Amino acid sequence: MEFYLKDDFIKLGQLLKAANLVENGADAKFEIQDGKVFVNGEVEYQRGKKIYKDDIVKYNGQEIVVKKI
């Protein structure tokens, strides 16, 4: 799936919510803290991690490729 940024970046927790992969910010927080989210092939534990154009986020069998509008 592709996600298009309007700004220069989006925080990881916000991306999971915006891509409809979690229902709310609390779910995103726990999934990230539990080591279930990967950014560019590495486990990411920071909900506030800034995600930029060309980053690849993987979660629960889904892959999000981040693009810029």
N, C-alpha and C. Protein backbone atom coordinates (compact mmCIF):
# COMPACT_ATOMS: atom_id res chain seq x y z
N MET A 1 0.84 -1.16 0.00
CA MET A 1 0.00 0.00 0.00
C MET A 1 0.89 1.23 0.00
N GLU A 2 0.42 2.27 -0.62
CA GLU A 2 1.16 3.54 -0.64
C GLU A 2 0.44 4.56 0.21
N PHE A 3 1.22 5.36 0.93
CA PHE A 3 0.67 6.45 1.74
C PHE A 3 1.33 7.73 1.27
N TYR A 4 0.51 8.75 1.01
CA TYR A 4 1.04 10.01 0.48
C TYR A 4 1.08 11.09 1.55
N LEU A 5 2.28 11.61 1.79
CA LEU A 5 2.50 12.68 2.75
C LEU A 5 2.05 14.02 2.19
N LYS A 6 1.41 14.81 3.03
CA LYS A 6 1.10 16.19 2.67
C LYS A 6 2.21 17.11 3.16
N ASP A 7 2.81 16.74 4.31
CA ASP A 7 3.90 17.51 4.91
C ASP A 7 5.21 16.77 4.68
N ASP A 8 6.27 17.22 5.33
CA ASP A 8 7.58 16.59 5.15
C ASP A 8 7.68 15.23 5.83
N PHE A 9 6.90 15.01 6.91
CA PHE A 9 6.96 13.75 7.64
C PHE A 9 5.64 13.51 8.36
N ILE A 10 5.49 12.29 8.86
CA ILE A 10 4.37 11.93 9.74
C ILE A 10 4.96 11.05 10.83
N LYS A 11 4.44 11.15 12.03
CA LYS A 11 4.93 10.31 13.12
C LYS A 11 4.37 8.90 12.94
N LEU A 12 5.14 7.93 13.38
CA LEU A 12 4.82 6.52 13.15
C LEU A 12 3.42 6.15 13.66
N GLY A 13 3.10 6.54 14.88
CA GLY A 13 1.78 6.23 15.43
C GLY A 13 0.67 6.83 14.60
N GLN A 14 0.87 8.05 14.13
CA GLN A 14 -0.14 8.72 13.30
C GLN A 14 -0.29 8.01 11.96
N LEU A 15 0.81 7.52 11.42
CA LEU A 15 0.77 6.80 10.14
C LEU A 15 -0.06 5.53 10.26
N LEU A 16 0.15 4.77 11.32
CA LEU A 16 -0.62 3.53 11.51
C LEU A 16 -2.11 3.83 11.59
N LYS A 17 -2.45 4.92 12.27
CA LYS A 17 -3.86 5.33 12.36
C LYS A 17 -4.39 5.79 11.01
N ALA A 18 -3.63 6.65 10.33
CA ALA A 18 -4.07 7.22 9.05
C ALA A 18 -4.23 6.14 7.98
N ALA A 19 -3.42 5.08 8.07
CA ALA A 19 -3.50 3.98 7.10
C ALA A 19 -4.55 2.94 7.51
N ASN A 20 -5.29 3.24 8.58
CA ASN A 20 -6.33 2.35 9.09
C ASN A 20 -5.83 0.96 9.49
N LEU A 21 -4.60 0.92 10.00
CA LEU A 21 -4.05 -0.36 10.47
C LEU A 21 -4.30 -0.57 11.95
N VAL A 22 -4.60 0.50 12.67
CA VAL A 22 -5.00 0.43 14.08
C VAL A 22 -6.21 1.35 14.25
N GLU A 23 -6.97 1.11 15.32
CA GLU A 23 -8.18 1.90 15.53
C GLU A 23 -7.90 3.26 16.15
N ASN A 24 -6.89 3.31 17.03
CA ASN A 24 -6.63 4.58 17.72
C ASN A 24 -5.17 4.68 18.13
N GLY A 25 -4.84 5.82 18.70
CA GLY A 25 -3.45 6.06 19.09
C GLY A 25 -2.95 5.13 20.17
N ALA A 26 -3.83 4.73 21.07
CA ALA A 26 -3.42 3.81 22.14
C ALA A 26 -3.03 2.45 21.55
N ASP A 27 -3.81 1.97 20.58
CA ASP A 27 -3.47 0.70 19.93
C ASP A 27 -2.11 0.81 19.24
N ALA A 28 -1.89 1.92 18.56
CA ALA A 28 -0.61 2.14 17.87
C ALA A 28 0.54 2.10 18.88
N LYS A 29 0.35 2.80 19.99
CA LYS A 29 1.40 2.87 21.02
C LYS A 29 1.80 1.46 21.49
N PHE A 30 0.81 0.63 21.81
CA PHE A 30 1.12 -0.71 22.34
C PHE A 30 1.72 -1.62 21.27
N GLU A 31 1.24 -1.53 20.05
CA GLU A 31 1.80 -2.36 18.98
C GLU A 31 3.26 -1.99 18.72
N ILE A 32 3.55 -0.69 18.76
CA ILE A 32 4.93 -0.22 18.55
C ILE A 32 5.81 -0.65 19.71
N GLN A 33 5.34 -0.45 20.94
CA GLN A 33 6.11 -0.82 22.13
C GLN A 33 6.39 -2.32 22.18
N ASP A 34 5.47 -3.12 21.63
CA ASP A 34 5.64 -4.57 21.63
C ASP A 34 6.56 -5.06 20.53
N GLY A 35 7.13 -4.14 19.74
CA GLY A 35 8.10 -4.51 18.71
C GLY A 35 7.48 -5.13 17.48
N LYS A 36 6.22 -4.79 17.18
CA LYS A 36 5.53 -5.38 16.05
C LYS A 36 5.60 -4.53 14.79
N VAL A 37 6.28 -3.38 14.86
CA VAL A 37 6.33 -2.46 13.72
C VAL A 37 7.78 -2.31 13.25
N PHE A 38 7.97 -2.39 11.96
CA PHE A 38 9.31 -2.27 11.37
C PHE A 38 9.36 -1.04 10.47
N VAL A 39 10.45 -0.30 10.56
CA VAL A 39 10.69 0.85 9.68
C VAL A 39 12.00 0.58 8.95
N ASN A 40 11.91 0.51 7.65
CA ASN A 40 13.08 0.23 6.81
C ASN A 40 13.83 -1.02 7.27
N GLY A 41 13.07 -2.06 7.63
CA GLY A 41 13.65 -3.34 7.99
C GLY A 41 14.10 -3.49 9.42
N GLU A 42 13.99 -2.45 10.23
CA GLU A 42 14.41 -2.49 11.62
C GLU A 42 13.20 -2.33 12.54
N VAL A 43 13.20 -3.08 13.65
CA VAL A 43 12.13 -2.91 14.63
C VAL A 43 12.20 -1.48 15.18
N GLU A 44 11.05 -0.84 15.27
CA GLU A 44 11.00 0.54 15.78
C GLU A 44 10.11 0.57 17.02
N TYR A 45 10.64 1.15 18.11
CA TYR A 45 9.91 1.21 19.38
C TYR A 45 9.42 2.61 19.71
N GLN A 46 9.71 3.60 18.87
CA GLN A 46 9.33 4.98 19.15
C GLN A 46 8.07 5.36 18.38
N ARG A 47 7.00 5.62 19.11
CA ARG A 47 5.74 6.02 18.47
C ARG A 47 5.91 7.34 17.72
N GLY A 48 6.78 8.21 18.24
CA GLY A 48 7.00 9.52 17.64
C GLY A 48 8.05 9.56 16.54
N LYS A 49 8.55 8.39 16.15
CA LYS A 49 9.55 8.32 15.08
C LYS A 49 9.02 9.01 13.83
N LYS A 50 9.81 9.92 13.28
CA LYS A 50 9.38 10.64 12.08
C LYS A 50 9.58 9.76 10.85
N ILE A 51 8.53 9.64 10.07
CA ILE A 51 8.54 8.83 8.86
C ILE A 51 8.53 9.78 7.66
N TYR A 52 9.49 9.60 6.78
CA TYR A 52 9.68 10.49 5.63
C TYR A 52 9.40 9.76 4.32
N LYS A 53 9.38 10.52 3.24
CA LYS A 53 9.24 9.98 1.89
C LYS A 53 10.25 8.86 1.67
N ASP A 54 9.80 7.80 1.03
CA ASP A 54 10.59 6.62 0.68
C ASP A 54 10.84 5.67 1.84
N ASP A 55 10.36 5.98 3.05
CA ASP A 55 10.45 5.02 4.15
C ASP A 55 9.45 3.90 3.88
N ILE A 56 9.78 2.71 4.40
CA ILE A 56 8.89 1.55 4.28
C ILE A 56 8.57 1.06 5.68
N VAL A 57 7.28 1.02 5.97
CA VAL A 57 6.80 0.59 7.29
C VAL A 57 6.07 -0.74 7.11
N LYS A 58 6.41 -1.71 7.95
CA LYS A 58 5.74 -3.02 7.90
C LYS A 58 5.09 -3.28 9.25
N TYR A 59 3.83 -3.73 9.16
CA TYR A 59 3.08 -4.05 10.37
C TYR A 59 1.99 -5.05 10.03
N ASN A 60 1.95 -6.13 10.77
CA ASN A 60 0.86 -7.10 10.67
C ASN A 60 0.63 -7.59 9.23
N GLY A 61 1.71 -7.88 8.54
CA GLY A 61 1.61 -8.40 7.18
C GLY A 61 1.36 -7.34 6.11
N GLN A 62 1.24 -6.10 6.52
CA GLN A 62 1.03 -5.00 5.57
C GLN A 62 2.33 -4.21 5.39
N GLU A 63 2.55 -3.75 4.19
CA GLU A 63 3.71 -2.91 3.91
C GLU A 63 3.21 -1.57 3.40
N ILE A 64 3.71 -0.50 4.02
CA ILE A 64 3.33 0.85 3.61
C ILE A 64 4.57 1.52 3.03
N VAL A 65 4.47 1.95 1.79
CA VAL A 65 5.53 2.71 1.15
C VAL A 65 5.10 4.18 1.20
N VAL A 66 5.93 5.01 1.81
CA VAL A 66 5.57 6.41 2.01
C VAL A 66 6.06 7.24 0.82
N LYS A 67 5.13 8.00 0.25
CA LYS A 67 5.42 8.86 -0.90
C LYS A 67 5.08 10.30 -0.53
N LYS A 68 5.51 11.22 -1.33
CA LYS A 68 5.21 12.64 -1.13
C LYS A 68 4.30 13.11 -2.24
N ILE A 69 3.25 13.86 -1.86
CA ILE A 69 2.33 14.40 -2.87
C ILE A 69 3.06 15.36 -3.77
